Amino acid sequence: MKKPTHGSLYLIPTPLAPDTLDKSITSYTRNLISRLDYYVVENARTARRFISSLKIGKSIDQLQFELLDKNTRAKEIFKLLSPLLNGHDVGLMSEAGSPGIADPGALLVEAAHRENIPVIPLVGPSSIFMALMASGFNGQSFSFHGYLPIEKTLRISNIRFMEKEAAKWNRTQIFMETPYRNNKLLDDLIRTCDPHTRLCIACNISSDEEFIQTKSLEQWKKNKPELHKKPTMFLLYGGE
């Protein structure tokens, strides 16, 4: 008997901000979602709401959602491949933006490659890369650090390391913070870094309230934006 063909794992981007479907999601992605029945998602409620908003005429109750988040154990990953191994296509969705980038979905992608399952990334928004595009900083050499440590000594040490790497290697440093600690992080950057070091603040990317500006830390000190509870990417680069 011929061995069944594996399904494909589609990496499906989702909007970064509410009411941005038209500028975030392509017609190809809409059509793909209209035929998929299996999903692995970071947040089931968010995924259901996103699919419903597409108005593709498909009952959400007919779809199968499996959870993959930061609490999913490594030994549970293989079970999520079951539909794929049985020939069904599966959509992988992050909480927001592109799956697999600063996202636990990368674990499923890794497992899919081990089983020779086709992995197909789709075009869509990524706050990391959109911020880099708009920063004016080096887009050929960059490092993404994710969330900085909460503990103050470690946080300051990380900031100093990033500033040195940016200057020494001409390498853009990208990082983020839990939204309610954004203002505190900006204060730490202003106090720790050289005044001429440049910082891009990319806030509420793709929304009507989008704010993206690049200034020296000396300039930011004179006119600090209000970033409390606003999704923000920070990019650090050498001064001029």
C-alpha atoms as a PDB file:
ATOM      1  CA  MET A   1       0.000   0.000   0.000  1.00  0.00           C
ATOM      2  CA  LYS A   2       1.232   3.451  -0.900  1.00  0.00           C
ATOM      3  CA  LYS A   3       2.194   5.529   2.106  1.00  0.00           C
ATOM      4  CA  PRO A   4      -0.150   8.539   2.596  1.00  0.00           C
ATOM      5  CA  THR A   5       1.261  11.886   1.564  1.00  0.00           C
ATOM      6  CA  HIS A   6       1.904  14.318   4.398  1.00  0.00           C
ATOM      7  CA  GLY A   7      -0.107  17.493   4.631  1.00  0.00           C
ATOM      8  CA  SER A   8       1.566  20.911   4.556  1.00  0.00           C
ATOM      9  CA  LEU A   9       2.112  23.206   7.526  1.00  0.00           C
ATOM     10  CA  TYR A  10       1.097  26.753   6.579  1.00  0.00           C
ATOM     11  CA  LEU A  11       2.499  29.608   8.674  1.00  0.00           C
ATOM     12  CA  ILE A  12      -0.417  32.033   8.725  1.00  0.00           C
ATOM     13  CA  PRO A  13       0.188  35.662   9.775  1.00  0.00           C
ATOM     14  CA  THR A  14      -2.451  37.522  11.764  1.00  0.00           C
ATOM     15  CA  PRO A  15      -3.003  41.289  12.195  1.00  0.00           C
ATOM     16  CA  LEU A  16      -0.933  43.235  14.718  1.00  0.00           C
ATOM     17  CA  ALA A  17      -3.745  45.644  15.537  1.00  0.00           C
ATOM     18  CA  PRO A  18      -7.561  45.627  15.426  1.00  0.00           C
ATOM     19  CA  ASP A  19      -9.362  46.629  12.240  1.00  0.00           C
ATOM     20  CA  THR A  20      -6.304  46.157  10.011  1.00  0.00           C
ATOM     21  CA  LEU A  21      -7.363  43.090   8.038  1.00  0.00           C
ATOM     22  CA  ASP A  22      -7.361  44.786   4.647  1.00  0.00           C
ATOM     23  CA  LYS A  23      -3.749  45.932   4.910  1.00  0.00           C
ATOM     24  CA  SER A  24      -2.454  42.867   6.757  1.00  0.00           C
ATOM     25  CA  ILE A  25      -3.967  39.794   5.112  1.00  0.00           C
ATOM     26  CA  THR A  26      -3.677  38.850   1.435  1.00  0.00           C
ATOM     27  CA  SER A  27      -6.432  37.309  -0.678  1.00  0.00           C
ATOM     28  CA  TYR A  28      -4.281  34.166  -0.973  1.00  0.00           C
ATOM     29  CA  THR A  29      -4.288  33.779   2.824  1.00  0.00           C
ATOM     30  CA  ARG A  30      -8.071  34.309   2.965  1.00  0.00           C
ATOM     31  CA  ASN A  31      -8.612  31.619   0.346  1.00  0.00           C
ATOM     32  CA  LEU A  32      -6.281  29.228   2.122  1.00  0.00           C
ATOM     33  CA  ILE A  33      -8.065  29.676   5.442  1.00  0.00           C
ATOM     34  CA  SER A  34     -11.394  28.997   3.738  1.00  0.00           C
ATOM     35  CA  ARG A  35     -10.268  25.434   3.001  1.00  0.00           C
ATOM     36  CA  LEU A  36      -8.357  24.557   6.177  1.00  0.00           C
ATOM     37  CA  ASP A  37      -9.990  22.544   8.974  1.00  0.00           C
ATOM     38  CA  TYR A  38      -7.031  22.087  11.323  1.00  0.00           C
ATOM     39  CA  TYR A  39      -5.101  24.755  13.225  1.00  0.00           C
ATOM     40  CA  VAL A  40      -2.366  24.961  15.830  1.00  0.00           C
ATOM     41  CA  VAL A  41      -2.624  28.309  17.608  1.00  0.00           C
ATOM     42  CA  GLU A  42      -1.099  30.297  20.437  1.00  0.00           C
ATOM     43  CA  ASN A  43      -4.516  31.495  21.625  1.00  0.00           C
ATOM     44  CA  ALA A  44      -7.707  29.710  20.528  1.00  0.00           C
ATOM     45  CA  ARG A  45     -10.016  32.616  21.297  1.00  0.00           C
ATOM     46  CA  THR A  46      -7.909  35.062  19.270  1.00  0.00           C
ATOM     47  CA  ALA A  47      -7.658  32.593  16.371  1.00  0.00           C
ATOM     48  CA  ARG A  48     -11.418  31.986  16.275  1.00  0.00           C
ATOM     49  CA  ARG A  49     -12.106  35.713  16.338  1.00  0.00           C
ATOM     50  CA  PHE A  50      -9.642  36.291  13.502  1.00  0.00           C
ATOM     51  CA  ILE A  51     -11.139  33.585  11.287  1.00  0.00           C
ATOM     52  CA  SER A  52     -14.667  34.825  12.020  1.00  0.00           C
ATOM     53  CA  SER A  53     -13.666  38.354  10.996  1.00  0.00           C
ATOM     54  CA  LEU A  54     -12.659  37.083   7.551  1.00  0.00           C
ATOM     55  CA  LYS A  55     -16.306  36.151   6.850  1.00  0.00           C
ATOM     56  CA  ILE A  56     -15.358  33.152   4.729  1.00  0.00           C
ATOM     57  CA  GLY A  57     -18.691  31.408   5.305  1.00  0.00           C
ATOM     58  CA  LYS A  58     -17.265  28.576   7.396  1.00  0.00           C
ATOM     59  CA  SER A  59     -18.590  27.495  10.777  1.00  0.00           C
ATOM     60  CA  ILE A  60     -15.976  27.927  13.494  1.00  0.00           C
ATOM     61  CA  ASP A  61     -17.446  24.932  15.339  1.00  0.00           C
ATOM     62  CA  GLN A  62     -16.370  22.682  12.463  1.00  0.00           C
ATOM     63  CA  LEU A  63     -12.722  23.603  12.865  1.00  0.00           C
ATOM     64  CA  GLN A  64     -10.185  21.868  15.092  1.00  0.00           C
ATOM     65  CA  PHE A  65      -7.860  24.015  17.204  1.00  0.00           C
ATOM     66  CA  GLU A  66      -4.867  22.710  19.151  1.00  0.00           C
ATOM     67  CA  LEU A  67      -2.949  24.931  21.553  1.00  0.00           C
ATOM     68  CA  LEU A  68       0.779  25.641  21.334  1.00  0.00           C
ATOM     69  CA  ASP A  69       1.951  28.350  23.721  1.00  0.00           C
ATOM     70  CA  LYS A  70       4.889  29.070  26.014  1.00  0.00           C
ATOM     71  CA  ASN A  71       3.642  26.447  28.486  1.00  0.00           C
ATOM     72  CA  THR A  72       3.475  23.590  25.959  1.00  0.00           C
ATOM     73  CA  ARG A  73       5.979  20.880  26.854  1.00  0.00           C
ATOM     74  CA  ALA A  74       8.429  19.580  24.265  1.00  0.00           C
ATOM     75  CA  LYS A  75       7.047  16.038  24.476  1.00  0.00           C
ATOM     76  CA  GLU A  76       3.593  17.322  23.489  1.00  0.00           C
ATOM     77  CA  ILE A  77       4.784  18.817  20.189  1.00  0.00           C
ATOM     78  CA  PHE A  78       4.844  15.564  18.217  1.00  0.00           C
ATOM     79  CA  LYS A  79       1.139  14.937  18.927  1.00  0.00           C
ATOM     80  CA  LEU A  80       0.312  18.219  17.188  1.00  0.00           C
ATOM     81  CA  LEU A  81       1.711  16.762  13.958  1.00  0.00           C
ATOM     82  CA  SER A  82      -0.957  14.048  13.824  1.00  0.00           C
ATOM     83  CA  PRO A  83      -3.261  15.688  11.220  1.00  0.00           C
ATOM     84  CA  LEU A  84      -0.246  16.503   9.042  1.00  0.00           C
ATOM     85  CA  LEU A  85       1.046  12.939   9.194  1.00  0.00           C
ATOM     86  CA  ASN A  86      -2.431  11.779   8.170  1.00  0.00           C
ATOM     87  CA  GLY A  87      -2.447  13.964   5.071  1.00  0.00           C
ATOM     88  CA  HIS A  88      -4.294  17.058   6.301  1.00  0.00           C
ATOM     89  CA  ASP A  89      -3.019  20.595   5.814  1.00  0.00           C
ATOM     90  CA  VAL A  90      -2.647  22.592   9.037  1.00  0.00           C
ATOM     91  CA  GLY A  91      -2.482  26.327   9.708  1.00  0.00           C
ATOM     92  CA  LEU A  92      -0.112  27.631  12.399  1.00  0.00           C
ATOM     93  CA  MET A  93      -1.069  30.981  13.955  1.00  0.00           C
ATOM     94  CA  SER A  94       0.682  33.241  16.430  1.00  0.00           C
ATOM     95  CA  GLU A  95      -1.125  35.535  18.848  1.00  0.00           C
ATOM     96  CA  ALA A  96      -0.295  38.417  16.496  1.00  0.00           C
ATOM     97  CA  GLY A  97       1.975  38.838  13.502  1.00  0.00           C
ATOM     98  CA  SER A  98       4.050  36.149  11.817  1.00  0.00           C
ATOM     99  CA  PRO A  99       4.315  32.720  13.476  1.00  0.00           C
ATOM    100  CA  GLY A 100       7.721  31.293  14.283  1.00  0.00           C
ATOM    101  CA  ILE A 101       9.353  34.669  14.951  1.00  0.00           C
ATOM    102  CA  ALA A 102       9.668  35.278  18.690  1.00  0.00           C
ATOM    103  CA  ASP A 103       6.850  32.765  18.943  1.00  0.00           C
ATOM    104  CA  PRO A 104       6.471  29.223  20.369  1.00  0.00           C
ATOM    105  CA  GLY A 105       5.232  28.024  16.977  1.00  0.00           C
ATOM    106  CA  ALA A 106       8.880  27.606  15.963  1.00  0.00           C
ATOM    107  CA  LEU A 107       8.854  24.333  17.932  1.00  0.00           C
ATOM    108  CA  LEU A 108       6.180  22.888  15.655  1.00  0.00           C
ATOM    109  CA  VAL A 109       8.038  24.046  12.557  1.00  0.00           C
ATOM    110  CA  GLU A 110      11.195  22.324  13.803  1.00  0.00           C
ATOM    111  CA  ALA A 111       9.256  19.101  14.431  1.00  0.00           C
ATOM    112  CA  ALA A 112       7.644  19.305  10.983  1.00  0.00           C
ATOM    113  CA  HIS A 113      11.057  19.491   9.308  1.00  0.00           C
ATOM    114  CA  ARG A 114      12.206  16.389  11.208  1.00  0.00           C
ATOM    115  CA  GLU A 115       9.232  14.501   9.763  1.00  0.00           C
ATOM    116  CA  ASN A 116       9.768  15.839   6.220  1.00  0.00           C
ATOM    117  CA  ILE A 117       6.508  17.773   6.353  1.00  0.00           C
ATOM    118  CA  PRO A 118       6.399  20.722   3.918  1.00  0.00           C
ATOM    119  CA  VAL A 119       6.509  24.088   5.705  1.00  0.00           C
ATOM    120  CA  ILE A 120       5.025  27.023   3.804  1.00  0.00           C
ATOM    121  CA  PRO A 121       5.405  30.594   5.176  1.00  0.00           C
ATOM    122  CA  LEU A 122       2.855  33.173   4.049  1.00  0.00           C
ATOM    123  CA  VAL A 123       3.326  36.899   3.567  1.00  0.00           C
ATOM    124  CA  GLY A 124       2.124  39.052   6.459  1.00  0.00           C
ATOM    125  CA  PRO A 125       2.996  41.522   9.214  1.00  0.00           C
ATOM    126  CA  SER A 126       5.864  41.148  11.666  1.00  0.00           C
ATOM    127  CA  SER A 127       6.367  43.916  14.215  1.00  0.00           C
ATOM    128  CA  ILE A 128      10.082  43.097  14.409  1.00  0.00           C
ATOM    129  CA  PHE A 129      10.761  43.490  10.712  1.00  0.00           C
ATOM    130  CA  MET A 130       8.328  46.354  10.151  1.00  0.00           C
ATOM    131  CA  ALA A 131      10.081  48.288  12.919  1.00  0.00           C
ATOM    132  CA  LEU A 132      13.477  47.537  11.381  1.00  0.00           C
ATOM    133  CA  MET A 133      12.260  48.645   7.941  1.00  0.00           C
ATOM    134  CA  ALA A 134      11.081  51.979   9.330  1.00  0.00           C
ATOM    135  CA  SER A 135      14.032  52.672  11.644  1.00  0.00           C
ATOM    136  CA  GLY A 136      16.637  53.769   9.117  1.00  0.00           C
ATOM    137  CA  PHE A 137      19.135  51.476  10.838  1.00  0.00           C
ATOM    138  CA  ASN A 138      21.261  48.675   9.385  1.00  0.00           C
ATOM    139  CA  GLY A 139      18.966  46.032   7.908  1.00  0.00           C
ATOM    140  CA  GLN A 140      21.799  43.721   6.842  1.00  0.00           C
ATOM    141  CA  SER A 141      23.139  43.030  10.314  1.00  0.00           C
ATOM    142  CA  PHE A 142      20.829  42.990  13.319  1.00  0.00           C
ATOM    143  CA  SER A 143      20.127  41.100  16.548  1.00  0.00           C
ATOM    144  CA  PHE A 144      16.768  40.455  18.158  1.00  0.00           C
ATOM    145  CA  HIS A 145      16.919  40.054  21.932  1.00  0.00           C
ATOM    146  CA  GLY A 146      13.248  39.618  22.808  1.00  0.00           C
ATOM    147  CA  TYR A 147      12.348  40.768  26.316  1.00  0.00           C
ATOM    148  CA  LEU A 148      15.093  42.237  28.484  1.00  0.00           C
ATOM    149  CA  PRO A 149      15.577  40.930  32.045  1.00  0.00           C
ATOM    150  CA  ILE A 150      13.305  42.396  34.725  1.00  0.00           C
ATOM    151  CA  GLU A 151      16.047  42.446  37.372  1.00  0.00           C
ATOM    152  CA  LYS A 152      17.644  45.893  37.257  1.00  0.00           C
ATOM    153  CA  THR A 153      21.340  44.895  37.311  1.00  0.00           C
ATOM    154  CA  LEU A 154      20.871  42.348  34.528  1.00  0.00           C
ATOM    155  CA  ARG A 155      18.754  44.759  32.515  1.00  0.00           C
ATOM    156  CA  ILE A 156      21.384  47.515  32.663  1.00  0.00           C
ATOM    157  CA  SER A 157      24.100  44.994  31.796  1.00  0.00           C
ATOM    158  CA  ASN A 158      22.087  43.890  28.743  1.00  0.00           C
ATOM    159  CA  ILE A 159      21.565  47.466  27.609  1.00  0.00           C
ATOM    160  CA  ARG A 160      25.286  48.207  27.849  1.00  0.00           C
ATOM    161  CA  PHE A 161      26.099  45.030  25.927  1.00  0.00           C
ATOM    162  CA  MET A 162      23.675  45.928  23.134  1.00  0.00           C
ATOM    163  CA  GLU A 163      25.017  49.456  22.866  1.00  0.00           C
ATOM    164  CA  LYS A 164      28.595  48.140  22.549  1.00  0.00           C
ATOM    165  CA  GLU A 165      27.569  45.547  19.943  1.00  0.00           C
ATOM    166  CA  ALA A 166      25.717  48.182  17.926  1.00  0.00           C
ATOM    167  CA  ALA A 167      28.774  50.432  17.872  1.00  0.00           C
ATOM    168  CA  LYS A 168      31.424  47.744  17.362  1.00  0.00           C
ATOM    169  CA  TRP A 169      29.704  45.701  14.661  1.00  0.00           C
ATOM    170  CA  ASN A 170      27.401  48.306  13.093  1.00  0.00           C
ATOM    171  CA  ARG A 171      24.569  45.970  14.131  1.00  0.00           C
ATOM    172  CA  THR A 172      21.009  47.066  14.884  1.00  0.00           C
ATOM    173  CA  GLN A 173      19.770  45.878  18.289  1.00  0.00           C
ATOM    174  CA  ILE A 174      16.047  45.047  18.480  1.00  0.00           C
ATOM    175  CA  PHE A 175      14.196  44.320  21.715  1.00  0.00           C
ATOM    176  CA  MET A 176      10.854  44.733  23.440  1.00  0.00           C
ATOM    177  CA  GLU A 177       9.196  45.036  26.816  1.00  0.00           C
ATOM    178  CA  THR A 178       5.912  44.132  28.446  1.00  0.00           C
ATOM    179  CA  PRO A 179       3.748  47.151  27.478  1.00  0.00           C
ATOM    180  CA  TYR A 180       3.132  48.333  31.039  1.00  0.00           C
ATOM    181  CA  ARG A 181       6.909  48.608  31.595  1.00  0.00           C
ATOM    182  CA  ASN A 182       7.724  50.512  28.389  1.00  0.00           C
ATOM    183  CA  ASN A 183       8.171  53.894  30.074  1.00  0.00           C
ATOM    184  CA  LYS A 184      10.539  52.400  32.642  1.00  0.00           C
ATOM    185  CA  LEU A 185      12.632  50.811  29.892  1.00  0.00           C
ATOM    186  CA  LEU A 186      12.894  54.114  28.043  1.00  0.00           C
ATOM    187  CA  ASP A 187      14.096  55.787  31.242  1.00  0.00           C
ATOM    188  CA  ASP A 188      16.730  53.065  31.702  1.00  0.00           C
ATOM    189  CA  LEU A 189      17.944  53.536  28.131  1.00  0.00           C
ATOM    190  CA  ILE A 190      18.236  57.298  28.573  1.00  0.00           C
ATOM    191  CA  ARG A 191      20.165  56.931  31.852  1.00  0.00           C
ATOM    192  CA  THR A 192      22.466  54.134  30.671  1.00  0.00           C
ATOM    193  CA  CYS A 193      23.409  54.884  27.057  1.00  0.00           C
ATOM    194  CA  ASP A 194      25.539  57.560  25.466  1.00  0.00           C
ATOM    195  CA  PRO A 195      23.362  60.591  24.606  1.00  0.00           C
ATOM    196  CA  HIS A 196      24.348  60.293  20.944  1.00  0.00           C
ATOM    197  CA  THR A 197      23.277  56.654  20.625  1.00  0.00           C
ATOM    198  CA  ARG A 198      20.161  56.484  18.474  1.00  0.00           C
ATOM    199  CA  LEU A 199      16.920  54.810  19.416  1.00  0.00           C
ATOM    200  CA  CYS A 200      13.947  54.021  17.214  1.00  0.00           C
ATOM    201  CA  ILE A 201      10.624  53.667  19.006  1.00  0.00           C
ATOM    202  CA  ALA A 202       8.009  51.797  16.958  1.00  0.00           C
ATOM    203  CA  CYS A 203       4.681  51.841  18.756  1.00  0.00           C
ATOM    204  CA  ASN A 204       1.231  50.493  17.791  1.00  0.00           C
ATOM    205  CA  ILE A 205       2.584  49.275  14.450  1.00  0.00           C
ATOM    206  CA  SER A 206       0.023  49.151  11.596  1.00  0.00           C
ATOM    207  CA  SER A 207      -2.766  50.743  13.672  1.00  0.00           C
ATOM    208  CA  ASP A 208      -4.293  54.200  13.259  1.00  0.00           C
ATOM    209  CA  GLU A 209      -2.244  55.250  16.317  1.00  0.00           C
ATOM    210  CA  GLU A 210       1.053  54.087  14.817  1.00  0.00           C
ATOM    211  CA  PHE A 211       4.072  56.041  16.072  1.00  0.00           C
ATOM    212  CA  ILE A 212       7.551  55.365  14.640  1.00  0.00           C
ATOM    213  CA  GLN A 213      10.397  57.805  15.189  1.00  0.00           C
ATOM    214  CA  THR A 214      14.191  57.624  15.357  1.00  0.00           C
ATOM    215  CA  LYS A 215      16.107  60.098  17.538  1.00  0.00           C
ATOM    216  CA  SER A 216      19.220  60.261  19.674  1.00  0.00           C
ATOM    217  CA  LEU A 217      18.684  59.413  23.330  1.00  0.00           C
ATOM    218  CA  GLU A 218      19.562  63.019  24.111  1.00  0.00           C
ATOM    219  CA  GLN A 219      16.591  64.093  21.979  1.00  0.00           C
ATOM    220  CA  TRP A 220      14.272  61.476  23.511  1.00  0.00           C
ATOM    221  CA  LYS A 221      15.209  62.737  26.976  1.00  0.00           C
ATOM    222  CA  LYS A 222      13.852  66.187  26.085  1.00  0.00           C
ATOM    223  CA  ASN A 223      10.586  64.870  24.674  1.00  0.00           C
ATOM    224  CA  LYS A 224       9.623  61.436  25.986  1.00  0.00           C
ATOM    225  CA  PRO A 225       6.536  59.797  24.419  1.00  0.00           C
ATOM    226  CA  GLU A 226       3.867  58.093  26.514  1.00  0.00           C
ATOM    227  CA  LEU A 227       4.272  54.354  25.873  1.00  0.00           C
ATOM    228  CA  HIS A 228       2.347  52.854  28.789  1.00  0.00           C
ATOM    229  CA  LYS A 229       0.372  49.755  27.737  1.00  0.00           C
ATOM    230  CA  LYS A 230       1.160  50.320  24.041  1.00  0.00           C
ATOM    231  CA  PRO A 231       2.796  47.464  22.058  1.00  0.00           C
ATOM    232  CA  THR A 232       6.274  48.791  21.249  1.00  0.00           C
ATOM    233  CA  MET A 233       9.488  47.669  19.586  1.00  0.00           C
ATOM    234  CA  PHE A 234      12.780  49.352  20.540  1.00  0.00           C
ATOM    235  CA  LEU A 235      15.786  49.513  18.187  1.00  0.00           C
ATOM    236  CA  LEU A 236      19.210  50.711  19.315  1.00  0.00           C
ATOM    237  CA  TYR A 237      21.965  51.856  16.966  1.00  0.00           C
ATOM    238  CA  GLY A 238      25.222  53.786  17.035  1.00  0.00           C
ATOM    239  CA  GLY A 239      25.326  57.564  17.111  1.00  0.00           C
ATOM    240  CA  GLU A 240      26.583  59.830  14.382  1.00  0.00           C
END
